[in-house]
Each structure stands twice: as structure tokens, then as C-alpha cells.
């Protein structure tokens, strides 16, 4: 299998990429399972504190990451035991922990239908703990985390606890933020914005309610945006305190009005998007999906954007010469040329696009043209490492792929995509079919094989003897199978792809070609029969 030499910087980048992938995919998976299966009934079998903590898992994780990372950046000497060894940990323990966590959460998703809700909630919590441990272990050994934890000051642990408790802190301070004039301003702004995007709503200003049919939303105190203003103010205040020796605090104060304005505008945008989703897609998706996480995601994105901007502008720094290094632009090119980035980034974007489709589309398959464009774009960014591979049309790979595709067609599922596609006109349907063919036959095989049969097999030690190879193939194949409805057939296909890549003289490109061949057979069948559920 192809393995490019890595220097220390690339090794560190690989570890961060692996940790980010585990955290993002794991957090998304855990949150979706909890929201779909446990949110309503959790308190009937478990402590309400546990249920409330779990319901806001995404917000807490983002806050802890933001606050903890901010402190570590401001106090590099305290974090030195950790930063000095980043990239030296082996990937195997982290991947095993991640596999265990994903398995526990998947197991938890099956239990409610069997009447074991308490066991399901418990297994879900254990899975989250495993995924958190996997994220930490992917970046550094446990000994480094232990030493760094002992050296961190009291302020660090206060910030971490504040991050975990941020939803409760916001709820406690909520009554203090009632400003009638500001609530009215936000309501009027939402009313104007919804009209500008073509939403025809009934307005009840006295109650701050906007309604369309049976879907109504109250743009009251909790939606006014005051909470976001308070959070951004507190965040910038804490940032100024931690970095007071590196930045010019007086100049930083000039950023506050801009940050507050951006926070308010993002809040208005969030409400407009929520209403649009509720009117055009699904009220349940709007209230229980988008509304649950959008506010905290926007706060985190704004906070990170502010930090990046401030650190990238020398005018804010006390030592301008030492800080302008953060603003250099050409450093992006090596990132996309890195072999591990080429194997990890497309898969992460592929999974994220699936999450976005399921969040904003009631029929996620209709979003496939946009997903295909995103996949093509990310593959273009990492094209240089991919073009450097030794591509060939191996007859054995083509034949194995054709056999897999034929076997896949043998078990024919019900046509699940037809009702969703029925709403498309002729032109839209033609675009959907074309992008689906390209994505299924050309893009997805590259993305999945680079991740499962190249990156995972390498990181799991496929080249370390027969025992290591068997374990690596088993874990990577299990992960591949989880992505497919027909997991058994997918697992068997994954074993064949792994063999093609690992056999004497085999290449990762052979697995890609076989995957393309298999999907191509299925695509031809779908075009011939019109059964789009096959792809």
C-alpha cells in the first residue's frame, strides 16, 4: 500500500485530523441517536440531570473545546507537556476506542424497540465516554494528558467546568436579559427578513408570534439574541484577560461592537432559517433538529472567526513581528498536498454533507446534486496526492467489482427513493440522475477506499504481520459496513476490496477500480430499470 514519508509536522497534522474526525463523526452520531430515540422518554428511566446533560452534548463539547483551547493557547508553558508530544501516540488505541464507542451507540439505538430503554440510555452514555477518550488518545498518550492536567492552573479547570455548564449558566441568567425594546427590534427584523425571502406569514406583534398554517414560532425573549450578545461579550472579555500580555486590549475593545452586531445578525439569520425549514421542509426538523444546535454552532463559529481575525492582524499584537506569522497565506498549499489529508478530508466532508442533507432536507436523497458538487470540490483540492498514485485498470479488480455489483443486485430492496423523486420535474430529475451516476460511480469509491482501505488499514497496522492485518481488515470492514443499509453484503464487498489492496503487488487504486466497477454495474441497472433505490 502507498505510504508517503511524514515529517514531524505532517505527523502532528495527521493526529489532529484523526482526532477531529473521531470527534465530529462521533458527536454527530451520538446527538442524532439521542434526539431521535431518547430525548422524549429519557427522564422516565434515568435522572433528569443526566438527560439534560445529554440533550445539550454538542453545545457542551463545543464550549469545552473552545474555552480549553483558548486557555492552552494563552498559557503555552502549562500545556507544554501535551504540545511537546502531539503526534507521537499510536493510532490503534484511539481507533479501537472509537470503534467501541460507535458500536455501543449503535447497540443503544436498537434497544428501545425491544423495550430496554434504561439499558439503551446507559449504553449511549458509555459510547459517548468511549468516543471522548478516543478523541483525546488520538492526539497524545495518556501520560501527557495526565501531566498537562496537573500543570494546568485553576483558571483552566474553571473554564472547562464553565464550558460543561454553559447551557445551565445561560438558563440561570436568562431572566436578567429581558429587554422589551430589544425583543421588539428582533421580532421586527425577523418579520422583515422572512418577507424578503418570500415567506408569507401571519404576524401577531403583541405576542411576538409568526405563523404559517399549523406552524408557528414565538420570537420572544429567548429568541431576541440578547443571550448571544452576553456570551460574545463574556468570551471577548475572557480572551482579553488570558491574552493581555500578547494583545493590545484597548484596540480589542474596538472589535466588540462589530462582534455584537454580527452576533445579532446571525441570530436573525438562524430564526429565518428555522422558519423556512418549518414551512418548506418539516416543523419537527426545524424545532427538534435545527433549533437544538444552530445557536451554539453559530456562537462557536463566530468566536473562532474573531480569534482567527485578531491573531492574524498585526495591529492588535504587542509584538507585531512575532504575530504576523499567523497571517501568512501560502501555508495552505502543503496542507492539501499531504497524503493523510487526501485520505481523511474527503471522507469527513462526505459524512458532513450527509448530515447537512438529513438536517435540511426531509428527503435527503434530493440533496445529492449538492453533495456531489461538494465531494468533487474537496477531491479537486487534494488532487495532487491522488494523481501521484499509480493508477491502472487491473483486470482482476474490474472482474471482482463486476461480481460484487452483480451480487449486490441479487437482493433487491423496495423502491424507497421513488416517492421523493416524484416531486422533481424532467430537468431536475435529469440533473439528479447525472450527478447521482457521477457520485456513485466515480466520487464515492475514491473517498471510501482512501479512508477505509488505505488510511484505516495503515493506521491499524495492516503491515505488522498476519494478526495485525486481520485485525485491521476486521475493524475497517466493520466501519465500512455500518455506512450501508445492507451491512452484510457491504462487509463482504469490503473484504474483497481490502484483499485487492493488500495482496502481493496490489495497490489502493485496485480497490478503487473494483469499487467503481461494482457501483457502475449497479448504476447501469438503475438506469435500465428506473429503480433509483439501488443507488
Protein backbone atom coordinates (compact mmCIF):
# COMPACT_ATOMS: atom_id res chain seq x y z
CA UNK A 1 0.00 0.00 0.00
CA UNK A 2 1.19 3.56 -0.69
CA UNK A 3 2.83 5.24 2.29
CA UNK A 4 4.50 8.62 1.87
CA UNK A 5 7.22 9.80 4.28
CA UNK A 6 5.98 12.08 7.01
CA UNK A 7 7.93 14.73 8.89
CA UNK A 8 7.03 15.81 12.42
CA UNK A 9 4.64 18.50 11.19
CA UNK A 10 2.75 16.10 8.95
CA UNK A 11 2.58 13.56 11.77
CA UNK A 12 1.04 16.15 14.07
CA UNK A 13 -1.40 17.17 11.36
CA UNK A 14 -2.40 13.53 10.93
CA UNK A 15 -3.14 13.14 14.62
CA UNK A 16 -5.23 16.31 14.72
CA UNK A 17 -7.12 15.20 11.62
CA UNK A 18 -7.85 11.80 13.15
CA UNK A 19 -8.97 13.37 16.44
CA UNK A 20 -11.17 15.88 14.61
CA UNK A 21 -12.74 13.14 12.51
CA UNK A 22 -13.49 10.97 15.55
CA UNK A 23 -14.93 13.95 17.45
CA UNK A 24 -17.05 15.28 14.58
CA UNK A 25 -18.47 11.97 13.37
CA UNK A 26 -18.90 10.60 16.90
CA UNK A 27 -20.60 13.72 18.23
CA UNK A 28 -22.91 13.88 15.25
CA UNK A 29 -23.82 10.20 15.52
CA UNK A 30 -24.40 10.39 19.28
CA UNK A 31 -26.52 13.55 19.06
CA UNK A 32 -28.69 12.22 16.24
CA UNK A 33 -29.36 8.96 18.10
CA UNK A 34 -30.23 10.77 21.34
CA UNK A 35 -32.50 13.32 19.64
CA UNK A 36 -34.31 10.67 17.61
CA UNK A 37 -34.77 7.97 20.25
CA UNK A 38 -34.18 9.20 23.78
CA UNK A 39 -34.98 12.91 24.15
CA UNK A 40 -38.69 12.49 24.92
CA UNK A 41 -38.53 9.41 27.19
CA UNK A 42 -35.08 9.65 28.79
CA UNK A 43 -36.35 11.18 32.05
CA UNK A 44 -38.78 8.30 32.58
CA UNK A 45 -35.93 5.85 33.22
CA UNK A 46 -32.90 8.00 34.09
CA UNK A 47 -32.03 11.05 36.17
CA UNK A 48 -33.32 14.27 34.66
CA UNK A 49 -29.87 15.80 35.21
CA UNK A 50 -28.31 13.06 33.09
CA UNK A 51 -30.94 13.58 30.40
CA UNK A 52 -30.50 17.35 30.35
CA UNK A 53 -26.73 16.99 30.20
CA UNK A 54 -27.01 14.55 27.30
CA UNK A 55 -29.55 16.66 25.41
CA UNK A 56 -27.02 19.52 25.17
CA UNK A 57 -23.97 17.36 24.45
CA UNK A 58 -22.98 19.23 21.28
CA UNK A 59 -23.10 22.64 22.95
CA UNK A 60 -21.06 21.44 25.93
CA UNK A 61 -18.42 19.79 23.75
CA UNK A 62 -18.01 22.91 21.62
CA UNK A 63 -17.77 25.15 24.69
CA UNK A 64 -15.17 22.94 26.42
CA UNK A 65 -13.10 22.74 23.24
CA UNK A 66 -13.29 26.50 22.75
CA UNK A 67 -12.54 27.50 26.35
CA UNK A 68 -9.90 24.84 26.97
CA UNK A 69 -8.14 25.54 23.69
CA UNK A 70 -8.19 29.25 24.38
CA UNK A 71 -6.52 28.77 27.76
CA UNK A 72 -3.89 26.40 26.32
CA UNK A 73 -3.04 28.93 23.62
CA UNK A 74 -2.74 31.73 26.18
CA UNK A 75 -0.62 29.66 28.60
CA UNK A 76 1.64 27.56 26.34
CA UNK A 77 4.08 26.71 29.15
CA UNK A 78 1.38 24.98 31.16
CA UNK A 79 0.32 22.98 28.12
CA UNK A 80 3.93 22.18 27.14
CA UNK A 81 3.86 18.54 28.35
CA UNK A 82 0.98 17.96 25.97
CA UNK A 83 2.07 20.01 22.96
CA UNK A 84 5.58 18.53 23.09
CA UNK A 85 4.34 15.02 22.35
CA UNK A 86 1.47 15.71 19.97
CA UNK A 87 1.78 13.31 17.07
CA UNK A 88 3.76 10.64 18.92
CA UNK A 89 0.82 8.49 20.02
CA UNK A 90 -0.07 5.40 18.02
CA UNK A 91 -3.44 5.44 16.29
CA UNK A 92 -4.52 1.91 17.20
CA UNK A 93 -5.80 2.63 20.77
CA UNK A 94 -7.82 5.63 19.57
CA UNK A 95 -9.37 3.72 16.70
CA UNK A 96 -10.26 0.79 18.95
CA UNK A 97 -11.88 3.17 21.45
CA UNK A 98 -13.78 4.91 18.63
CA UNK A 99 -14.97 1.57 17.24
CA UNK A 100 -16.13 0.54 20.71
CA UNK A 101 -17.97 3.81 21.23
CA UNK A 102 -19.71 3.67 17.85
CA UNK A 103 -20.70 0.06 18.49
CA UNK A 104 -22.19 0.92 21.88
CA UNK A 105 -24.22 3.80 20.45
CA UNK A 106 -25.43 1.67 17.53
CA UNK A 107 -26.37 -1.04 20.04
CA UNK A 108 -28.21 1.57 22.12
CA UNK A 109 -30.22 2.62 19.06
CA UNK A 110 -31.60 -0.92 18.71
CA UNK A 111 -32.66 -1.40 22.34
CA UNK A 112 -35.70 0.95 22.67
CA UNK A 113 -37.68 -1.12 20.17
CA UNK A 114 -37.01 -4.15 22.38
CA UNK A 115 -38.30 -2.39 25.50
CA UNK A 116 -34.90 -1.81 27.13
CA UNK A 117 -34.84 1.99 27.34
CA UNK A 118 -32.75 2.23 30.52
CA UNK A 119 -30.11 -0.09 29.10
CA UNK A 120 -30.19 1.90 25.85
CA UNK A 121 -29.61 5.21 27.62
CA UNK A 122 -26.78 3.66 29.65
CA UNK A 123 -25.12 2.15 26.59
CA UNK A 124 -25.41 5.50 24.80
CA UNK A 125 -23.62 7.26 27.67
CA UNK A 126 -20.87 4.64 27.70
CA UNK A 127 -20.45 5.05 23.94
CA UNK A 128 -20.05 8.82 24.32
CA UNK A 129 -17.39 8.25 27.00
CA UNK A 130 -15.50 5.90 24.68
CA UNK A 131 -15.63 8.44 21.84
CA UNK A 132 -14.38 11.22 24.11
CA UNK A 133 -11.49 9.01 25.23
CA UNK A 134 -10.73 8.14 21.60
CA UNK A 135 -10.53 11.84 20.68
CA UNK A 136 -8.06 12.54 23.49
CA UNK A 137 -5.98 9.43 22.81
CA UNK A 138 -5.71 10.26 19.11
CA UNK A 139 -3.77 13.43 19.91
CA UNK A 140 -1.41 12.34 22.71
CA UNK A 141 -0.62 9.47 25.12
CA UNK A 142 -2.48 9.31 28.44
CA UNK A 143 0.72 10.18 30.33
CA UNK A 144 0.93 13.51 28.51
CA UNK A 145 -2.70 14.33 29.27
CA UNK A 146 -2.14 13.44 32.93
CA UNK A 147 0.96 15.62 33.25
CA UNK A 148 -0.69 18.55 31.44
CA UNK A 149 -3.77 18.23 33.65
CA UNK A 150 -1.63 18.53 36.78
CA UNK A 151 0.17 21.59 35.45
CA UNK A 152 -2.91 23.48 34.30
CA UNK A 153 -3.93 26.25 36.66
CA UNK A 154 -7.21 26.66 38.49
CA UNK A 155 -8.44 29.01 35.76
CA UNK A 156 -8.26 26.18 33.22
CA UNK A 157 -10.50 23.88 35.25
CA UNK A 158 -12.92 26.72 35.93
CA UNK A 159 -13.16 27.33 32.18
CA UNK A 160 -13.69 23.62 31.47
CA UNK A 161 -16.43 23.40 34.10
CA UNK A 162 -17.98 26.58 32.72
CA UNK A 163 -17.98 25.01 29.26
CA UNK A 164 -19.76 21.89 30.52
CA UNK A 165 -22.28 24.01 32.43
CA UNK A 166 -22.76 26.75 29.81
CA UNK A 167 -26.38 25.78 28.92
CA UNK A 168 -27.31 25.86 32.63
CA UNK A 169 -25.49 29.17 33.12
CA UNK A 170 -27.42 30.64 30.20
CA UNK A 171 -30.73 29.38 31.62
CA UNK A 172 -29.92 30.82 35.07
CA UNK A 173 -29.08 34.26 33.71
CA UNK A 174 -31.97 34.24 31.24
CA UNK A 175 -34.42 36.27 33.42
CA UNK A 176 -31.85 39.08 33.68
CA UNK A 177 -31.80 39.61 29.94
CA UNK A 178 -35.39 40.61 29.29
CA UNK A 179 -35.26 43.86 27.33
CA UNK A 180 -38.62 44.56 25.74
CA UNK A 181 -37.29 47.06 23.20
CA UNK A 182 -34.63 44.63 22.02
CA UNK A 183 -37.15 41.80 21.73
CA UNK A 184 -39.36 44.06 19.59
CA UNK A 185 -36.38 45.00 17.40
CA UNK A 186 -35.52 41.36 16.82
CA UNK A 187 -39.14 40.47 16.05
CA UNK A 188 -39.41 43.30 13.51
CA UNK A 189 -36.11 42.25 11.90
CA UNK A 190 -37.27 38.65 11.57
CA UNK A 191 -40.61 39.80 10.13
CA UNK A 192 -38.81 41.92 7.52
CA UNK A 193 -36.28 39.19 6.66
CA UNK A 194 -38.89 36.45 6.26
CA UNK A 195 -40.86 38.68 3.92
CA UNK A 196 -37.70 39.43 1.94
CA UNK A 197 -37.11 35.72 1.29
CA UNK A 198 -40.71 35.17 0.18
CA UNK A 199 -42.24 33.65 3.32
CA UNK A 200 -45.89 34.67 3.72
CA UNK A 201 -46.57 34.62 7.46
CA UNK A 202 -49.31 35.81 9.76
CA UNK A 203 -47.87 38.25 12.28
CA UNK A 204 -49.08 38.75 15.86
CA UNK A 205 -46.80 41.52 17.22
CA UNK A 206 -48.45 41.64 20.65
CA UNK A 207 -47.43 38.03 21.28
CA UNK A 208 -44.27 38.05 19.12
CA UNK A 209 -45.70 35.17 17.07
CA UNK A 210 -45.24 34.41 13.37
CA UNK A 211 -47.41 31.69 11.83
CA UNK A 212 -47.76 29.78 8.59
CA UNK A 213 -50.58 27.25 8.59
CA UNK A 214 -50.14 24.98 11.59
CA UNK A 215 -46.52 26.00 12.13
CA UNK A 216 -45.99 28.92 14.50
CA UNK A 217 -42.94 30.31 16.26
CA UNK A 218 -42.66 32.84 19.05
CA UNK A 219 -39.80 35.29 18.54
CA UNK A 220 -39.81 36.31 22.18
CA UNK A 221 -37.27 36.89 24.88
CA UNK A 222 -35.41 33.63 24.32
CA UNK A 223 -35.00 34.37 20.60
CA UNK A 224 -34.15 38.05 20.84
CA UNK A 225 -30.40 37.46 20.64
CA UNK A 226 -29.54 39.02 24.00
CA UNK A 227 -28.14 35.69 25.18
CA UNK A 228 -25.73 35.66 22.25
CA UNK A 229 -24.65 39.23 22.95
CA UNK A 230 -23.90 38.35 26.56
CA UNK A 231 -21.95 35.23 25.54
CA UNK A 232 -19.85 37.08 22.97
CA UNK A 233 -19.12 39.89 25.45
CA UNK A 234 -18.07 37.39 28.12
CA UNK A 235 -15.99 35.45 25.61
CA UNK A 236 -14.09 38.51 24.38
CA UNK A 237 -13.59 39.63 27.99
CA UNK A 238 -12.10 36.27 28.91
CA UNK A 239 -9.99 36.28 25.77
CA UNK A 240 -8.63 39.74 26.59
CA UNK A 241 -7.77 38.64 30.13
CA UNK A 242 -5.95 35.49 29.01
CA UNK A 243 -4.01 37.20 26.21
CA UNK A 244 -3.45 40.56 27.90
CA UNK A 245 0.34 40.16 27.57
CA UNK A 246 0.18 39.49 23.82
CA UNK A 247 -2.60 41.74 22.51
CA UNK A 248 -3.50 45.40 22.84
CA UNK A 249 -6.67 45.23 24.92
CA UNK A 250 -7.70 48.80 24.13
CA UNK A 251 -7.69 48.03 20.43
CA UNK A 252 -9.51 44.76 21.05
CA UNK A 253 -12.34 46.80 22.57
CA UNK A 254 -12.98 48.25 19.11
CA UNK A 255 -13.90 44.76 17.91
CA UNK A 256 -16.69 44.37 20.47
CA UNK A 257 -19.35 46.47 18.65
CA UNK A 258 -18.65 44.58 15.41
CA UNK A 259 -18.83 41.24 17.23
CA UNK A 260 -22.13 42.18 18.88
CA UNK A 261 -23.62 43.28 15.55
CA UNK A 262 -22.52 40.04 13.88
CA UNK A 263 -23.97 38.00 16.75
CA UNK A 264 -27.34 39.71 16.40
CA UNK A 265 -27.39 39.33 12.59
CA UNK A 266 -26.52 35.63 12.89
CA UNK A 267 -29.35 35.19 15.38
CA UNK A 268 -31.83 36.76 12.96
CA UNK A 269 -30.49 34.53 10.19
CA UNK A 270 -30.88 31.48 12.46
CA UNK A 271 -34.56 32.28 13.15
CA UNK A 272 -35.30 32.92 9.47
CA UNK A 273 -33.70 29.59 8.54
CA UNK A 274 -35.67 27.85 11.28
CA UNK A 275 -38.96 29.27 9.96
CA UNK A 276 -38.05 28.41 6.37
CA UNK A 277 -37.29 24.81 7.34
CA UNK A 278 -40.52 24.59 9.34
CA UNK A 279 -42.61 25.94 6.46
CA UNK A 280 -40.98 24.21 3.49
CA UNK A 281 -39.46 21.03 4.91
CA UNK A 282 -40.56 19.80 8.33
CA UNK A 283 -41.73 21.50 11.55
CA UNK A 284 -40.26 18.63 13.55
CA UNK A 285 -36.90 19.01 11.83
CA UNK A 286 -36.95 22.76 12.44
CA UNK A 287 -37.78 22.58 16.15
CA UNK A 288 -36.07 19.37 17.26
CA UNK A 289 -33.14 19.33 14.84
CA UNK A 290 -32.04 22.73 13.60
CA UNK A 291 -33.21 24.78 16.58
CA UNK A 292 -31.49 22.48 19.07
CA UNK A 293 -27.96 23.13 17.83
CA UNK A 294 -27.86 26.07 15.40
CA UNK A 295 -27.48 28.81 18.02
CA UNK A 296 -24.49 27.21 19.75
CA UNK A 297 -22.88 26.30 16.44
CA UNK A 298 -23.15 29.90 15.25
CA UNK A 299 -21.73 31.20 18.53
CA UNK A 300 -18.76 28.84 18.26
CA UNK A 301 -18.17 29.75 14.61
CA UNK A 302 -18.28 33.47 15.39
CA UNK A 303 -15.94 33.09 18.38
CA UNK A 304 -13.40 31.14 16.33
CA UNK A 305 -13.65 33.64 13.48
CA UNK A 306 -12.95 36.50 15.90
CA UNK A 307 -9.90 34.75 17.36
CA UNK A 308 -8.53 33.94 13.90
CA UNK A 309 -9.02 37.52 12.73
CA UNK A 310 -7.45 39.12 15.80
CA UNK A 311 -4.43 36.83 15.73
CA UNK A 312 -4.00 37.37 12.02
CA UNK A 313 -3.84 41.19 12.18
CA UNK A 314 -0.55 42.61 13.49
CA UNK A 315 -2.26 45.84 14.58
CA UNK A 316 -3.79 44.00 17.54
CA UNK A 317 -0.48 42.46 18.67
CA UNK A 318 2.01 43.93 21.10
CA UNK A 319 4.79 42.11 19.24
CA UNK A 320 3.72 42.62 15.67
CA UNK A 321 6.73 40.89 14.17
CA UNK A 322 6.10 37.73 16.13
CA UNK A 323 2.40 37.59 15.43
CA UNK A 324 2.13 38.28 11.72
CA UNK A 325 3.35 34.75 11.07
CA UNK A 326 -0.21 33.57 11.77
CA UNK A 327 -1.49 35.53 8.81
CA UNK A 328 0.68 34.03 6.09
CA UNK A 329 -1.31 32.66 3.19
CA UNK A 330 0.86 30.21 1.21
CA UNK A 331 0.87 27.69 4.11
CA UNK A 332 -2.40 26.25 2.81
CA UNK A 333 -0.80 24.55 -0.20
CA UNK A 334 1.17 21.86 1.72
CA UNK A 335 -1.96 21.03 3.70
CA UNK A 336 -3.82 19.84 0.61
CA UNK A 337 -0.71 18.08 -0.68
CA UNK A 338 -0.45 15.94 2.46
CA UNK A 339 -1.24 12.26 1.83
CA UNK A 340 -3.18 11.85 5.07
CA UNK A 341 -5.24 14.95 4.38
CA UNK A 342 -6.09 13.48 0.97
CA UNK A 343 -7.36 10.32 2.68
CA UNK A 344 -9.16 11.95 5.63
CA UNK A 345 -10.59 15.27 4.44
CA UNK A 346 -12.80 13.95 1.59
CA UNK A 347 -14.36 11.36 3.89
CA UNK A 348 -15.00 13.95 6.60
CA UNK A 349 -16.67 16.24 4.04
CA UNK A 350 -18.62 13.27 2.65
CA UNK A 351 -20.02 12.46 6.11
CA UNK A 352 -20.71 16.13 6.90
CA UNK A 353 -22.63 16.54 3.64
CA UNK A 354 -24.80 13.57 4.61
CA UNK A 355 -25.52 15.22 7.97
CA UNK A 356 -26.42 18.53 6.32
CA UNK A 357 -28.71 16.74 3.86
CA UNK A 358 -30.54 14.91 6.65
CA UNK A 359 -30.81 18.14 8.65
CA UNK A 360 -32.17 20.46 5.96
CA UNK A 361 -33.99 18.08 3.59
CA UNK A 362 -36.98 15.98 4.56
CA UNK A 363 -35.98 13.65 1.71
CA UNK A 364 -32.16 13.75 2.00
CA UNK A 365 -31.62 11.97 -1.33
CA UNK A 366 -32.88 15.10 -3.12
CA UNK A 367 -29.78 16.95 -1.91
CA UNK A 368 -27.44 14.62 -3.79
CA UNK A 369 -26.53 17.08 -6.59
CA UNK A 370 -25.19 19.49 -3.96
CA UNK A 371 -23.40 16.66 -2.15
CA UNK A 372 -21.78 15.59 -5.42
CA UNK A 373 -20.55 19.14 -6.05
CA UNK A 374 -19.03 19.30 -2.57
CA UNK A 375 -17.35 15.89 -2.97
CA UNK A 376 -15.93 16.91 -6.34
CA UNK A 377 -14.62 20.16 -4.88
CA UNK A 378 -12.79 18.51 -1.99
CA UNK A 379 -11.28 15.86 -4.27
CA UNK A 380 -10.06 18.66 -6.53
CA UNK A 381 -8.33 20.31 -3.56
CA UNK A 382 -6.36 17.13 -2.82
CA UNK A 383 -5.88 16.18 -6.47
CA UNK A 384 -2.05 16.25 -6.41
CA UNK A 385 -1.58 13.31 -3.99
CA UNK A 386 -4.32 11.40 -5.83
CA UNK A 387 -2.82 11.97 -9.27
CA UNK A 388 0.54 10.80 -7.90
CA UNK A 389 -0.89 7.32 -7.28
CA UNK A 390 -0.07 4.51 -9.72
CA UNK A 391 -3.44 4.15 -11.42
CA UNK A 392 -4.17 1.13 -13.61
CA UNK A 393 -7.14 -0.85 -14.95
CA UNK A 394 -6.33 -4.18 -13.32
CA UNK A 395 -8.44 -6.98 -14.93
CA UNK A 396 -8.79 -8.80 -11.62
CA UNK A 397 -10.05 -5.65 -9.91
CA UNK A 398 -12.53 -4.97 -12.71
CA UNK A 399 -13.81 -8.55 -12.60
CA UNK A 400 -14.08 -8.59 -8.81
CA UNK A 401 -16.00 -5.34 -8.88
CA UNK A 402 -18.39 -6.61 -11.54
CA UNK A 403 -19.02 -9.72 -9.46
CA UNK A 404 -19.72 -7.63 -6.35
CA UNK A 405 -22.09 -5.39 -8.29
CA UNK A 406 -23.99 -8.38 -9.66
CA UNK A 407 -24.24 -9.95 -6.21
CA UNK A 408 -25.48 -6.66 -4.77
CA UNK A 409 -28.33 -6.63 -7.28
CA UNK A 410 -29.35 -10.14 -6.26
CA UNK A 411 -31.06 -8.85 -3.11
CA UNK A 412 -33.43 -6.19 -4.40
CA UNK A 413 -34.83 -3.71 -1.83
CA UNK A 414 -38.13 -1.88 -2.08
CA UNK A 415 -38.14 1.31 -4.14
CA UNK A 416 -37.71 3.88 -1.37
CA UNK A 417 -36.44 6.76 -3.49
CA UNK A 418 -39.33 6.89 -5.98
CA UNK A 419 -41.78 8.95 -3.84
CA UNK A 420 -39.15 11.62 -3.19
CA UNK A 421 -38.03 11.80 -6.82
CA UNK A 422 -41.64 12.10 -7.98
CA UNK A 423 -41.64 15.79 -6.99
CA UNK A 424 -38.83 16.58 -9.46
CA UNK A 425 -39.55 17.93 -12.90
CA UNK A 426 -37.91 16.45 -16.02
CA UNK A 427 -34.90 18.81 -15.96
CA UNK A 428 -34.35 18.48 -12.23
CA UNK A 429 -34.67 14.70 -12.45
CA UNK A 430 -32.10 14.60 -15.27
CA UNK A 431 -29.67 16.64 -13.17
CA UNK A 432 -30.27 14.38 -10.17
CA UNK A 433 -29.67 11.23 -12.23
CA UNK A 434 -26.48 12.61 -13.81
CA UNK A 435 -24.96 13.74 -10.51
CA UNK A 436 -26.01 10.53 -8.80
CA UNK A 437 -24.31 8.47 -11.51
CA UNK A 438 -21.12 10.52 -11.26
CA UNK A 439 -21.11 10.48 -7.47
CA UNK A 440 -21.91 6.80 -7.10
CA UNK A 441 -19.57 5.55 -9.82
CA UNK A 442 -16.59 7.92 -9.61
CA UNK A 443 -16.53 10.04 -6.46
CA UNK A 444 -17.75 7.81 -3.62
CA UNK A 445 -15.44 4.88 -4.47
CA UNK A 446 -12.38 7.14 -4.28
CA UNK A 447 -13.46 8.72 -0.99
CA UNK A 448 -14.44 5.48 0.75
CA UNK A 449 -11.48 3.41 -0.43
CA UNK A 450 -8.93 6.07 0.52
CA UNK A 451 -10.35 6.14 4.02
CA UNK A 452 -11.27 2.52 4.74
CA UNK A 453 -8.76 0.55 2.64
CA UNK A 454 -5.82 2.97 2.83
CA UNK A 455 -5.90 5.23 5.87
CA UNK A 456 -7.58 2.88 8.34
CA UNK A 457 -5.63 -0.18 7.24
CA UNK A 458 -2.35 1.73 7.56
CA UNK A 459 -3.19 3.21 10.94
CA UNK A 460 -4.48 -0.08 12.32
CA UNK A 461 -1.23 -1.83 11.48
CA UNK A 462 -2.16 -3.91 8.45
CA UNK A 463 1.52 -4.31 7.61
CA UNK A 464 2.52 -5.73 11.00
CA UNK A 465 2.12 -9.42 10.44
CA UNK A 466 -0.88 -11.65 9.90
CA UNK A 467 -2.53 -10.86 13.25
CA UNK A 468 -2.28 -7.12 12.68
CA UNK A 469 -3.60 -7.46 9.14
CA UNK A 470 -6.62 -9.50 10.24
CA UNK A 471 -7.50 -7.03 13.00
CA UNK A 472 -7.08 -4.05 10.68
CA UNK A 473 -9.26 -5.59 7.98
CA UNK A 474 -11.94 -6.59 10.51
CA UNK A 475 -12.21 -3.11 12.04
CA UNK A 476 -12.09 -1.19 8.75
CA UNK A 477 -14.61 -3.55 7.14
CA UNK A 478 -16.98 -3.18 10.10
CA UNK A 479 -16.83 0.60 9.75
CA UNK A 480 -17.50 0.34 6.02
CA UNK A 481 -20.47 -1.97 6.61
CA UNK A 482 -22.06 0.42 9.12
CA UNK A 483 -22.43 3.02 6.35
CA UNK A 484 -24.67 0.74 4.30
CA UNK A 485 -28.22 -0.49 4.88
CA UNK A 486 -27.30 -3.97 3.68
CA UNK A 487 -24.40 -4.26 6.04
CA UNK A 488 -23.63 -7.94 5.43
CA UNK A 489 -23.29 -7.50 1.67
CA UNK A 490 -21.24 -4.36 2.25
CA UNK A 491 -18.95 -6.22 4.65
CA UNK A 492 -18.31 -8.97 2.11
CA UNK A 493 -17.56 -6.36 -0.55
CA UNK A 494 -15.23 -4.59 1.87
CA UNK A 495 -13.28 -7.79 2.43
CA UNK A 496 -12.75 -8.17 -1.31
CA UNK A 497 -11.64 -4.55 -1.67
CA UNK A 498 -9.21 -4.99 1.23
CA UNK A 499 -7.75 -8.12 -0.35
CA UNK A 500 -7.22 -6.33 -3.66
CA UNK A 501 -5.31 -3.53 -1.92
CA UNK A 502 -3.23 -5.80 0.35
CA UNK A 503 -2.38 -8.73 -1.96
CA UNK A 504 1.19 -9.03 -3.27
CA UNK A 505 1.52 -6.41 -5.98
CA UNK A 506 -1.82 -4.90 -5.02
CA UNK A 507 -2.48 -1.18 -4.82
CA UNK A 508 -5.08 1.02 -3.21
CA UNK A 509 -6.06 2.05 -6.73
CA UNK A 510 -7.08 -1.56 -7.42
CA UNK A 511 -9.64 -1.32 -4.60
CA UNK A 512 -10.88 1.98 -6.02
CA UNK A 513 -11.23 0.50 -9.53
CA UNK A 514 -13.10 -2.53 -8.16
CA UNK A 515 -15.42 -0.28 -6.17
CA UNK A 516 -16.05 1.84 -9.28
CA UNK A 517 -16.75 -1.30 -11.30
CA UNK A 518 -19.24 -2.60 -8.73
CA UNK A 519 -21.05 0.72 -8.45
CA UNK A 520 -21.00 1.09 -12.23
CA UNK A 521 -22.84 -2.23 -12.65
CA UNK A 522 -25.44 -1.10 -10.12
CA UNK A 523 -25.76 2.30 -11.81
CA UNK A 524 -26.38 0.70 -15.21
CA UNK A 525 -29.07 -1.47 -13.66
CA UNK A 526 -30.71 1.59 -12.09
CA UNK A 527 -30.73 3.46 -15.41
CA UNK A 528 -32.10 0.45 -17.27
CA UNK A 529 -34.89 -0.35 -14.81
CA UNK A 530 -35.54 3.11 -13.37
CA UNK A 531 -35.11 1.68 -9.87
CA UNK A 532 -33.16 4.55 -8.29
CA UNK A 533 -33.36 2.99 -4.83
CA UNK A 534 -30.46 0.74 -5.89
CA UNK A 535 -28.07 3.70 -5.82
